[in-house]
Amino acid sequence: MSRRKRIALGLSATALAVGAGIGVAGMASATTTPTPTPGASSSASTDGTAATEGKGRHGGHGGERGVAQASALAEKLGVEEAKVTEALKAFREANKPASPPADGTRPDPAARDAALAKALAESLGIEESKVTAALEELRSEAQAERAASLKTRLDKAVTDGKLTQAEADAVTKAVENGVIGGGGR
């Protein structure tokens, strides 16, 4: 399952859990409060593009996200972006699964990352350890960006009265520990 889908599923699960918690708390206090409506900060856009943003024509890794990944990796490795783009494309083609994974299973991310680092190192003529370090650095930066974005959204939800600080802290802890949202890799 792609990282974007895992994040979307995690955020959906978070929203469902928070909604259920708010519903139970509302029932327990026996007060009537208006139900919040989705705002502009909702994860889905009004034109329905959120599910496909950053994907290629057939749902593969392409588009803006693929270009950004190649660009950032090229910069970290000190090689031309076109070479990294071609190497990534070749890796994806060579490792395209013949069929979708069975329900409840997914490829081992560590094995996939090791194979990617090895293939890129061979293709680009760079030490594998340098490629591995660059990939780990990019992953850490992406995780930090996601955490900052989540914190911003949770802080706004607390400020708007949609969540309590305790609920926001629980969501943050669940994401950090990999319970929801694909965090804690």
N, C-alpha and C. Protein backbone atom coordinates (compact mmCIF):
# COMPACT_ATOMS: atom_id res chain seq x y z
N MET A 1 0.86 -1.17 0.00
CA MET A 1 0.00 0.00 0.00
C MET A 1 0.90 1.22 0.00
N SER A 2 0.61 2.22 -0.78
CA SER A 2 1.47 3.39 -0.88
C SER A 2 1.42 4.18 0.41
N ARG A 3 2.47 4.96 0.61
CA ARG A 3 2.55 5.77 1.82
C ARG A 3 1.39 6.76 1.86
N ARG A 4 1.01 7.33 0.74
CA ARG A 4 -0.08 8.30 0.69
C ARG A 4 -1.39 7.63 1.12
N LYS A 5 -1.61 6.40 0.66
CA LYS A 5 -2.83 5.68 1.05
C LYS A 5 -2.80 5.36 2.53
N ARG A 6 -1.62 4.95 3.05
CA ARG A 6 -1.51 4.66 4.48
C ARG A 6 -1.80 5.90 5.31
N ILE A 7 -1.30 7.04 4.86
CA ILE A 7 -1.53 8.28 5.59
C ILE A 7 -3.02 8.63 5.55
N ALA A 8 -3.63 8.52 4.36
CA ALA A 8 -5.05 8.82 4.23
C ALA A 8 -5.88 7.89 5.11
N LEU A 9 -5.54 6.60 5.10
CA LEU A 9 -6.27 5.66 5.94
C LEU A 9 -6.06 5.97 7.42
N GLY A 10 -4.84 6.32 7.78
CA GLY A 10 -4.54 6.66 9.17
C GLY A 10 -5.31 7.89 9.62
N LEU A 11 -5.32 8.91 8.77
CA LEU A 11 -6.06 10.12 9.12
C LEU A 11 -7.55 9.85 9.19
N SER A 12 -8.05 9.00 8.29
CA SER A 12 -9.46 8.64 8.34
C SER A 12 -9.77 7.90 9.63
N ALA A 13 -8.88 6.98 10.01
CA ALA A 13 -9.08 6.24 11.26
C ALA A 13 -9.03 7.18 12.45
N THR A 14 -8.12 8.16 12.40
CA THR A 14 -8.02 9.14 13.47
C THR A 14 -9.31 9.94 13.58
N ALA A 15 -9.79 10.40 12.43
CA ALA A 15 -11.03 11.18 12.43
C ALA A 15 -12.19 10.35 12.97
N LEU A 16 -12.24 9.09 12.57
CA LEU A 16 -13.30 8.21 13.05
C LEU A 16 -13.19 8.00 14.55
N ALA A 17 -11.96 7.76 15.03
CA ALA A 17 -11.76 7.54 16.47
C ALA A 17 -12.10 8.79 17.27
N VAL A 18 -11.64 9.94 16.76
CA VAL A 18 -11.93 11.20 17.46
C VAL A 18 -13.43 11.47 17.42
N GLY A 19 -14.05 11.23 16.26
CA GLY A 19 -15.49 11.42 16.15
C GLY A 19 -16.26 10.53 17.11
N ALA A 20 -15.82 9.28 17.22
CA ALA A 20 -16.47 8.35 18.15
C ALA A 20 -16.27 8.82 19.59
N GLY A 21 -15.06 9.29 19.89
CA GLY A 21 -14.79 9.79 21.24
C GLY A 21 -15.63 11.00 21.57
N ILE A 22 -15.76 11.90 20.62
CA ILE A 22 -16.58 13.08 20.84
C ILE A 22 -18.05 12.68 20.99
N GLY A 23 -18.48 11.71 20.17
CA GLY A 23 -19.86 11.24 20.28
C GLY A 23 -20.16 10.62 21.63
N VAL A 24 -19.23 9.80 22.13
CA VAL A 24 -19.42 9.17 23.44
C VAL A 24 -19.41 10.22 24.53
N ALA A 25 -18.48 11.17 24.42
CA ALA A 25 -18.41 12.23 25.43
C ALA A 25 -19.68 13.08 25.40
N GLY A 26 -20.20 13.34 24.21
CA GLY A 26 -21.43 14.11 24.08
C GLY A 26 -22.61 13.39 24.67
N MET A 27 -22.67 12.09 24.45
CA MET A 27 -23.77 11.30 25.01
C MET A 27 -23.66 11.25 26.52
N ALA A 28 -22.44 11.13 27.03
CA ALA A 28 -22.25 11.03 28.47
C ALA A 28 -22.65 12.32 29.18
N SER A 29 -22.36 13.45 28.56
CA SER A 29 -22.68 14.71 29.22
C SER A 29 -24.12 15.13 28.98
N ALA A 30 -24.81 14.46 28.05
CA ALA A 30 -26.22 14.70 27.74
C ALA A 30 -26.47 16.15 27.36
N THR A 31 -25.48 16.77 26.75
CA THR A 31 -25.69 18.12 26.25
C THR A 31 -25.78 18.06 24.74
N THR A 32 -26.43 19.04 24.19
CA THR A 32 -26.50 19.07 22.73
C THR A 32 -25.52 20.11 22.23
N THR A 33 -24.64 19.66 21.36
CA THR A 33 -23.69 20.56 20.74
C THR A 33 -23.78 20.39 19.24
N PRO A 34 -23.57 21.46 18.51
CA PRO A 34 -23.65 21.32 17.05
C PRO A 34 -22.52 20.44 16.53
N THR A 35 -22.82 19.68 15.49
CA THR A 35 -21.84 18.81 14.86
C THR A 35 -20.94 19.65 13.97
N PRO A 36 -19.61 19.54 14.14
CA PRO A 36 -18.73 20.32 13.27
C PRO A 36 -18.84 19.84 11.83
N THR A 37 -18.71 20.77 10.91
CA THR A 37 -18.72 20.41 9.50
C THR A 37 -17.31 20.51 8.96
N PRO A 38 -16.97 19.71 7.96
CA PRO A 38 -15.63 19.77 7.40
C PRO A 38 -15.33 21.16 6.87
N GLY A 39 -14.12 21.62 7.14
CA GLY A 39 -13.71 22.94 6.68
C GLY A 39 -12.73 22.83 5.53
N ALA A 40 -12.12 23.95 5.19
CA ALA A 40 -11.16 23.99 4.09
C ALA A 40 -9.93 23.15 4.38
N SER A 41 -9.68 22.85 5.67
CA SER A 41 -8.49 22.08 6.00
C SER A 41 -8.73 20.58 5.95
N SER A 42 -9.89 20.15 5.49
CA SER A 42 -10.16 18.72 5.37
C SER A 42 -9.17 18.08 4.43
N SER A 43 -8.91 16.80 4.61
CA SER A 43 -7.91 16.12 3.80
C SER A 43 -8.36 15.90 2.37
N ALA A 44 -9.65 15.87 2.11
CA ALA A 44 -10.12 15.68 0.73
C ALA A 44 -10.46 17.05 0.15
N SER A 45 -10.10 17.25 -1.09
CA SER A 45 -10.41 18.51 -1.73
C SER A 45 -11.81 18.44 -2.33
N THR A 46 -12.33 19.61 -2.67
CA THR A 46 -13.69 19.65 -3.20
C THR A 46 -13.79 19.04 -4.58
N ASP A 47 -12.66 18.98 -5.31
CA ASP A 47 -12.73 18.38 -6.63
C ASP A 47 -12.34 16.91 -6.64
N GLY A 48 -12.10 16.35 -5.44
CA GLY A 48 -11.82 14.92 -5.32
C GLY A 48 -10.43 14.51 -5.75
N THR A 49 -9.49 15.45 -5.82
CA THR A 49 -8.16 15.09 -6.31
C THR A 49 -7.23 14.59 -5.21
N ALA A 50 -7.62 14.67 -3.95
CA ALA A 50 -6.72 14.29 -2.88
C ALA A 50 -6.26 12.84 -2.99
N ALA A 51 -7.11 11.96 -3.42
CA ALA A 51 -6.75 10.55 -3.49
C ALA A 51 -5.75 10.25 -4.61
N THR A 52 -5.68 11.10 -5.61
CA THR A 52 -4.80 10.80 -6.73
C THR A 52 -3.65 11.78 -6.87
N GLU A 53 -3.59 12.80 -6.01
CA GLU A 53 -2.53 13.78 -6.12
C GLU A 53 -1.17 13.12 -6.01
N GLY A 54 -0.25 13.48 -6.86
CA GLY A 54 1.09 12.94 -6.82
C GLY A 54 1.22 11.58 -7.47
N LYS A 55 0.20 11.11 -8.11
CA LYS A 55 0.24 9.80 -8.74
C LYS A 55 0.37 9.96 -10.24
N GLY A 56 0.93 8.98 -10.85
CA GLY A 56 1.02 8.98 -12.31
C GLY A 56 -0.34 8.65 -12.90
N ARG A 57 -0.39 8.54 -14.20
CA ARG A 57 -1.64 8.32 -14.90
C ARG A 57 -2.36 7.05 -14.46
N HIS A 58 -1.61 6.03 -14.13
CA HIS A 58 -2.22 4.74 -13.77
C HIS A 58 -2.09 4.45 -12.28
N GLY A 59 -1.93 5.49 -11.44
CA GLY A 59 -1.89 5.31 -10.00
C GLY A 59 -0.51 4.97 -9.47
N GLY A 60 0.51 4.97 -10.31
CA GLY A 60 1.85 4.68 -9.85
C GLY A 60 2.50 5.91 -9.26
N HIS A 61 3.73 5.74 -8.79
CA HIS A 61 4.45 6.87 -8.22
C HIS A 61 4.99 7.72 -9.34
N GLY A 62 4.42 8.84 -9.53
CA GLY A 62 4.84 9.75 -10.58
C GLY A 62 4.38 11.13 -10.22
N GLY A 63 4.12 11.92 -11.18
CA GLY A 63 3.60 13.25 -10.92
C GLY A 63 4.54 14.07 -10.09
N GLU A 64 3.97 15.03 -9.37
CA GLU A 64 4.76 15.97 -8.59
C GLU A 64 5.60 15.29 -7.52
N ARG A 65 5.02 14.32 -6.82
CA ARG A 65 5.74 13.67 -5.73
C ARG A 65 6.96 12.93 -6.25
N GLY A 66 6.82 12.23 -7.37
CA GLY A 66 7.95 11.50 -7.95
C GLY A 66 9.06 12.44 -8.39
N VAL A 67 8.68 13.57 -8.98
CA VAL A 67 9.67 14.56 -9.40
C VAL A 67 10.38 15.15 -8.19
N ALA A 68 9.61 15.45 -7.14
CA ALA A 68 10.21 16.02 -5.93
C ALA A 68 11.17 15.02 -5.29
N GLN A 69 10.79 13.74 -5.27
CA GLN A 69 11.65 12.71 -4.69
C GLN A 69 12.95 12.60 -5.48
N ALA A 70 12.86 12.57 -6.79
CA ALA A 70 14.05 12.47 -7.63
C ALA A 70 14.92 13.69 -7.46
N SER A 71 14.32 14.86 -7.42
CA SER A 71 15.06 16.11 -7.27
C SER A 71 15.81 16.15 -5.94
N ALA A 72 15.11 15.84 -4.86
CA ALA A 72 15.72 15.87 -3.54
C ALA A 72 16.84 14.84 -3.42
N LEU A 73 16.60 13.66 -3.95
CA LEU A 73 17.61 12.61 -3.89
C LEU A 73 18.84 12.98 -4.72
N ALA A 74 18.60 13.54 -5.89
CA ALA A 74 19.71 13.97 -6.75
C ALA A 74 20.56 15.01 -6.03
N GLU A 75 19.90 15.93 -5.36
CA GLU A 75 20.62 16.97 -4.63
C GLU A 75 21.46 16.36 -3.51
N LYS A 76 20.88 15.43 -2.76
CA LYS A 76 21.60 14.79 -1.65
C LYS A 76 22.80 13.97 -2.14
N LEU A 77 22.63 13.35 -3.31
CA LEU A 77 23.69 12.48 -3.84
C LEU A 77 24.69 13.24 -4.71
N GLY A 78 24.35 14.46 -5.11
CA GLY A 78 25.24 15.24 -5.95
C GLY A 78 25.32 14.72 -7.38
N VAL A 79 24.19 14.22 -7.90
CA VAL A 79 24.15 13.72 -9.27
C VAL A 79 23.01 14.42 -10.02
N GLU A 80 22.99 14.26 -11.33
CA GLU A 80 21.95 14.89 -12.13
C GLU A 80 20.58 14.28 -11.83
N GLU A 81 19.58 15.15 -11.80
CA GLU A 81 18.22 14.71 -11.51
C GLU A 81 17.72 13.72 -12.55
N ALA A 82 18.07 13.92 -13.81
CA ALA A 82 17.62 13.03 -14.88
C ALA A 82 18.13 11.60 -14.65
N LYS A 83 19.36 11.48 -14.16
CA LYS A 83 19.92 10.15 -13.90
C LYS A 83 19.16 9.46 -12.76
N VAL A 84 18.85 10.22 -11.73
CA VAL A 84 18.11 9.66 -10.59
C VAL A 84 16.70 9.28 -11.04
N THR A 85 16.07 10.13 -11.83
CA THR A 85 14.73 9.85 -12.33
C THR A 85 14.71 8.55 -13.12
N GLU A 86 15.68 8.39 -14.00
CA GLU A 86 15.76 7.16 -14.81
C GLU A 86 16.04 5.94 -13.93
N ALA A 87 16.92 6.09 -12.94
CA ALA A 87 17.25 4.97 -12.05
C ALA A 87 16.03 4.56 -11.23
N LEU A 88 15.28 5.56 -10.74
CA LEU A 88 14.06 5.25 -9.98
C LEU A 88 13.02 4.57 -10.86
N LYS A 89 12.88 5.06 -12.07
CA LYS A 89 11.92 4.47 -13.00
C LYS A 89 12.30 3.02 -13.31
N ALA A 90 13.58 2.78 -13.56
CA ALA A 90 14.05 1.43 -13.84
C ALA A 90 13.82 0.51 -12.65
N PHE A 91 14.06 1.01 -11.44
CA PHE A 91 13.84 0.20 -10.24
C PHE A 91 12.36 -0.16 -10.10
N ARG A 92 11.50 0.82 -10.30
CA ARG A 92 10.06 0.56 -10.17
C ARG A 92 9.57 -0.44 -11.20
N GLU A 93 10.06 -0.30 -12.42
CA GLU A 93 9.67 -1.25 -13.48
C GLU A 93 10.17 -2.66 -13.15
N ALA A 94 11.41 -2.77 -12.69
CA ALA A 94 12.00 -4.07 -12.39
C ALA A 94 11.35 -4.73 -11.17
N ASN A 95 10.79 -3.93 -10.29
CA ASN A 95 10.22 -4.46 -9.05
C ASN A 95 8.71 -4.35 -8.98
N LYS A 96 8.08 -4.15 -10.13
CA LYS A 96 6.63 -4.06 -10.17
C LYS A 96 6.06 -5.44 -9.83
N PRO A 97 5.16 -5.50 -8.82
CA PRO A 97 4.59 -6.80 -8.46
C PRO A 97 3.71 -7.35 -9.58
N ALA A 98 3.75 -8.67 -9.75
CA ALA A 98 2.95 -9.33 -10.78
C ALA A 98 1.47 -9.28 -10.42
N SER A 99 1.19 -9.29 -9.12
CA SER A 99 -0.20 -9.22 -8.66
C SER A 99 -0.23 -8.45 -7.35
N PRO A 100 -1.40 -7.95 -6.98
CA PRO A 100 -1.50 -7.23 -5.71
C PRO A 100 -1.20 -8.16 -4.55
N PRO A 101 -0.68 -7.63 -3.44
CA PRO A 101 -0.41 -8.49 -2.28
C PRO A 101 -1.71 -9.07 -1.72
N ALA A 102 -1.59 -10.22 -1.13
CA ALA A 102 -2.75 -10.87 -0.52
C ALA A 102 -3.26 -9.98 0.62
N ASP A 103 -4.55 -10.09 0.90
CA ASP A 103 -5.14 -9.29 1.97
C ASP A 103 -4.37 -9.50 3.26
N GLY A 104 -4.09 -8.38 3.94
CA GLY A 104 -3.42 -8.43 5.22
C GLY A 104 -1.90 -8.57 5.13
N THR A 105 -1.36 -8.63 3.93
CA THR A 105 0.10 -8.71 3.79
C THR A 105 0.59 -7.49 3.05
N ARG A 106 1.85 -7.19 3.25
CA ARG A 106 2.48 -6.11 2.52
C ARG A 106 3.96 -6.39 2.42
N PRO A 107 4.61 -5.84 1.43
CA PRO A 107 6.04 -6.08 1.27
C PRO A 107 6.82 -5.55 2.47
N ASP A 108 7.95 -6.16 2.75
CA ASP A 108 8.81 -5.73 3.85
C ASP A 108 9.48 -4.41 3.46
N PRO A 109 9.17 -3.31 4.17
CA PRO A 109 9.74 -2.03 3.79
C PRO A 109 11.27 -2.00 3.89
N ALA A 110 11.83 -2.67 4.87
CA ALA A 110 13.30 -2.67 5.02
C ALA A 110 13.96 -3.37 3.84
N ALA A 111 13.38 -4.48 3.40
CA ALA A 111 13.93 -5.20 2.24
C ALA A 111 13.77 -4.37 0.98
N ARG A 112 12.62 -3.71 0.82
CA ARG A 112 12.40 -2.86 -0.35
C ARG A 112 13.39 -1.70 -0.36
N ASP A 113 13.59 -1.07 0.80
CA ASP A 113 14.52 0.06 0.87
C ASP A 113 15.96 -0.37 0.58
N ALA A 114 16.34 -1.55 1.09
CA ALA A 114 17.69 -2.06 0.83
C ALA A 114 17.87 -2.35 -0.65
N ALA A 115 16.86 -2.93 -1.27
CA ALA A 115 16.93 -3.22 -2.71
C ALA A 115 17.00 -1.93 -3.52
N LEU A 116 16.25 -0.92 -3.11
CA LEU A 116 16.27 0.37 -3.79
C LEU A 116 17.65 1.01 -3.68
N ALA A 117 18.22 1.01 -2.49
CA ALA A 117 19.54 1.61 -2.29
C ALA A 117 20.59 0.89 -3.14
N LYS A 118 20.52 -0.43 -3.15
CA LYS A 118 21.48 -1.21 -3.94
C LYS A 118 21.34 -0.91 -5.43
N ALA A 119 20.10 -0.91 -5.92
CA ALA A 119 19.86 -0.66 -7.35
C ALA A 119 20.30 0.75 -7.75
N LEU A 120 19.97 1.74 -6.91
CA LEU A 120 20.37 3.11 -7.22
C LEU A 120 21.89 3.26 -7.19
N ALA A 121 22.53 2.64 -6.22
CA ALA A 121 23.99 2.72 -6.12
C ALA A 121 24.64 2.15 -7.37
N GLU A 122 24.16 0.99 -7.81
CA GLU A 122 24.71 0.37 -9.02
C GLU A 122 24.44 1.23 -10.26
N SER A 123 23.22 1.71 -10.37
CA SER A 123 22.83 2.49 -11.55
C SER A 123 23.56 3.83 -11.63
N LEU A 124 23.78 4.46 -10.47
CA LEU A 124 24.38 5.79 -10.44
C LEU A 124 25.89 5.77 -10.21
N GLY A 125 26.44 4.59 -9.91
CA GLY A 125 27.87 4.49 -9.65
C GLY A 125 28.29 5.17 -8.35
N ILE A 126 27.46 5.01 -7.33
CA ILE A 126 27.70 5.63 -6.02
C ILE A 126 27.73 4.53 -4.97
N GLU A 127 28.45 4.77 -3.87
CA GLU A 127 28.49 3.79 -2.78
C GLU A 127 27.08 3.58 -2.22
N GLU A 128 26.76 2.33 -1.96
CA GLU A 128 25.44 1.99 -1.43
C GLU A 128 25.17 2.68 -0.10
N SER A 129 26.18 2.79 0.74
CA SER A 129 25.99 3.43 2.05
C SER A 129 25.59 4.90 1.90
N LYS A 130 26.13 5.57 0.87
CA LYS A 130 25.78 6.98 0.63
C LYS A 130 24.31 7.08 0.18
N VAL A 131 23.88 6.16 -0.67
CA VAL A 131 22.48 6.16 -1.13
C VAL A 131 21.56 5.86 0.06
N THR A 132 21.92 4.86 0.86
CA THR A 132 21.12 4.50 2.03
C THR A 132 20.98 5.69 2.98
N ALA A 133 22.08 6.38 3.23
CA ALA A 133 22.05 7.55 4.13
C ALA A 133 21.16 8.65 3.56
N ALA A 134 21.24 8.89 2.25
CA ALA A 134 20.42 9.93 1.62
C ALA A 134 18.94 9.56 1.71
N LEU A 135 18.60 8.30 1.45
CA LEU A 135 17.21 7.87 1.54
C LEU A 135 16.68 8.00 2.96
N GLU A 136 17.49 7.62 3.95
CA GLU A 136 17.08 7.74 5.35
C GLU A 136 16.89 9.19 5.75
N GLU A 137 17.78 10.06 5.26
CA GLU A 137 17.67 11.49 5.56
C GLU A 137 16.38 12.07 4.96
N LEU A 138 16.09 11.70 3.71
CA LEU A 138 14.87 12.17 3.07
C LEU A 138 13.63 11.66 3.81
N ARG A 139 13.66 10.41 4.25
CA ARG A 139 12.53 9.84 4.98
C ARG A 139 12.33 10.59 6.30
N SER A 140 13.43 10.87 7.00
CA SER A 140 13.34 11.60 8.26
C SER A 140 12.77 13.00 8.06
N GLU A 141 13.22 13.67 6.99
CA GLU A 141 12.70 15.00 6.68
C GLU A 141 11.20 14.95 6.38
N ALA A 142 10.78 13.94 5.62
CA ALA A 142 9.36 13.80 5.29
C ALA A 142 8.54 13.52 6.54
N GLN A 143 9.05 12.68 7.43
CA GLN A 143 8.34 12.38 8.67
C GLN A 143 8.22 13.63 9.53
N ALA A 144 9.28 14.43 9.57
CA ALA A 144 9.24 15.67 10.35
C ALA A 144 8.21 16.65 9.76
N GLU A 145 8.15 16.72 8.43
CA GLU A 145 7.16 17.59 7.79
C GLU A 145 5.74 17.12 8.09
N ARG A 146 5.50 15.80 8.03
CA ARG A 146 4.18 15.26 8.34
C ARG A 146 3.81 15.53 9.80
N ALA A 147 4.78 15.37 10.70
CA ALA A 147 4.51 15.61 12.12
C ALA A 147 4.18 17.08 12.36
N ALA A 148 4.90 17.98 11.71
CA ALA A 148 4.63 19.41 11.86
C ALA A 148 3.26 19.76 11.31
N SER A 149 2.90 19.17 10.17
CA SER A 149 1.59 19.42 9.58
C SER A 149 0.48 18.90 10.49
N LEU A 150 0.68 17.71 11.02
CA LEU A 150 -0.32 17.14 11.93
C LEU A 150 -0.47 18.02 13.17
N LYS A 151 0.65 18.47 13.72
CA LYS A 151 0.61 19.32 14.91
C LYS A 151 -0.17 20.60 14.63
N THR A 152 0.07 21.19 13.47
CA THR A 152 -0.64 22.42 13.09
C THR A 152 -2.14 22.17 13.02
N ARG A 153 -2.53 21.06 12.36
CA ARG A 153 -3.96 20.74 12.24
C ARG A 153 -4.59 20.44 13.60
N LEU A 154 -3.86 19.70 14.44
CA LEU A 154 -4.39 19.38 15.77
C LEU A 154 -4.50 20.63 16.64
N ASP A 155 -3.49 21.50 16.57
CA ASP A 155 -3.54 22.75 17.34
C ASP A 155 -4.75 23.59 16.93
N LYS A 156 -5.02 23.63 15.62
CA LYS A 156 -6.18 24.38 15.12
C LYS A 156 -7.47 23.74 15.62
N ALA A 157 -7.53 22.42 15.62
CA ALA A 157 -8.73 21.72 16.10
C ALA A 157 -8.96 22.01 17.58
N VAL A 158 -7.89 22.09 18.35
CA VAL A 158 -8.01 22.41 19.78
C VAL A 158 -8.48 23.86 19.93
N THR A 159 -7.85 24.77 19.18
CA THR A 159 -8.22 26.18 19.23
C THR A 159 -9.68 26.39 18.82
N ASP A 160 -10.12 25.64 17.81
CA ASP A 160 -11.49 25.77 17.32
C ASP A 160 -12.51 25.04 18.21
N GLY A 161 -12.03 24.34 19.21
CA GLY A 161 -12.92 23.63 20.12
C GLY A 161 -13.42 22.30 19.58
N LYS A 162 -12.80 21.81 18.51
CA LYS A 162 -13.21 20.53 17.95
C LYS A 162 -12.60 19.36 18.70
N LEU A 163 -11.45 19.57 19.32
CA LEU A 163 -10.77 18.55 20.12
C LEU A 163 -10.30 19.18 21.43
N THR A 164 -10.16 18.35 22.45
CA THR A 164 -9.49 18.82 23.66
C THR A 164 -8.00 18.61 23.48
N GLN A 165 -7.20 19.23 24.30
CA GLN A 165 -5.75 19.03 24.19
C GLN A 165 -5.40 17.57 24.47
N ALA A 166 -6.11 16.93 25.39
CA ALA A 166 -5.85 15.52 25.69
C ALA A 166 -6.13 14.64 24.47
N GLU A 167 -7.20 14.93 23.73
CA GLU A 167 -7.50 14.17 22.51
C GLU A 167 -6.43 14.38 21.45
N ALA A 168 -5.99 15.63 21.29
CA ALA A 168 -4.94 15.94 20.32
C ALA A 168 -3.64 15.23 20.70
N ASP A 169 -3.32 15.22 21.98
CA ASP A 169 -2.12 14.52 22.45
C ASP A 169 -2.22 13.02 22.20
N ALA A 170 -3.41 12.45 22.37
CA ALA A 170 -3.61 11.02 22.13
C ALA A 170 -3.42 10.69 20.65
N VAL A 171 -3.91 11.55 19.77
CA VAL A 171 -3.73 11.33 18.33
C VAL A 171 -2.25 11.39 17.99
N THR A 172 -1.55 12.39 18.52
CA THR A 172 -0.12 12.53 18.27
C THR A 172 0.64 11.30 18.74
N LYS A 173 0.32 10.82 19.94
CA LYS A 173 0.99 9.64 20.47
C LYS A 173 0.70 8.41 19.62
N ALA A 174 -0.54 8.26 19.17
CA ALA A 174 -0.90 7.10 18.34
C ALA A 174 -0.14 7.13 17.02
N VAL A 175 0.02 8.29 16.42
CA VAL A 175 0.76 8.40 15.17
C VAL A 175 2.24 8.12 15.41
N GLU A 176 2.81 8.70 16.44
CA GLU A 176 4.23 8.50 16.75
C GLU A 176 4.57 7.03 17.02
N ASN A 177 3.62 6.29 17.59
CA ASN A 177 3.86 4.89 17.91
C ASN A 177 3.40 3.92 16.82
N GLY A 178 2.98 4.48 15.68
CA GLY A 178 2.60 3.64 14.55
C GLY A 178 1.26 2.94 14.67
N VAL A 179 0.46 3.37 15.65
CA VAL A 179 -0.85 2.76 15.83
C VAL A 179 -1.76 3.18 14.68
N ILE A 180 -1.67 4.44 14.26
CA ILE A 180 -2.43 4.96 13.13
C ILE A 180 -1.50 5.79 12.26
N GLY A 181 -1.88 5.95 11.01
CA GLY A 181 -1.18 6.86 10.12
C GLY A 181 0.15 6.40 9.57
N GLY A 182 0.55 5.16 9.83
CA GLY A 182 1.80 4.66 9.26
C GLY A 182 3.04 5.24 9.91
N GLY A 183 2.90 5.94 11.03
CA GLY A 183 4.07 6.51 11.71
C GLY A 183 4.87 5.42 12.40
N GLY A 184 6.00 5.77 12.92
CA GLY A 184 6.82 4.87 13.71
C GLY A 184 7.46 3.75 12.92
N ARG A 185 7.47 3.81 11.63
CA ARG A 185 8.09 2.84 10.74
C ARG A 185 9.06 2.02 11.48
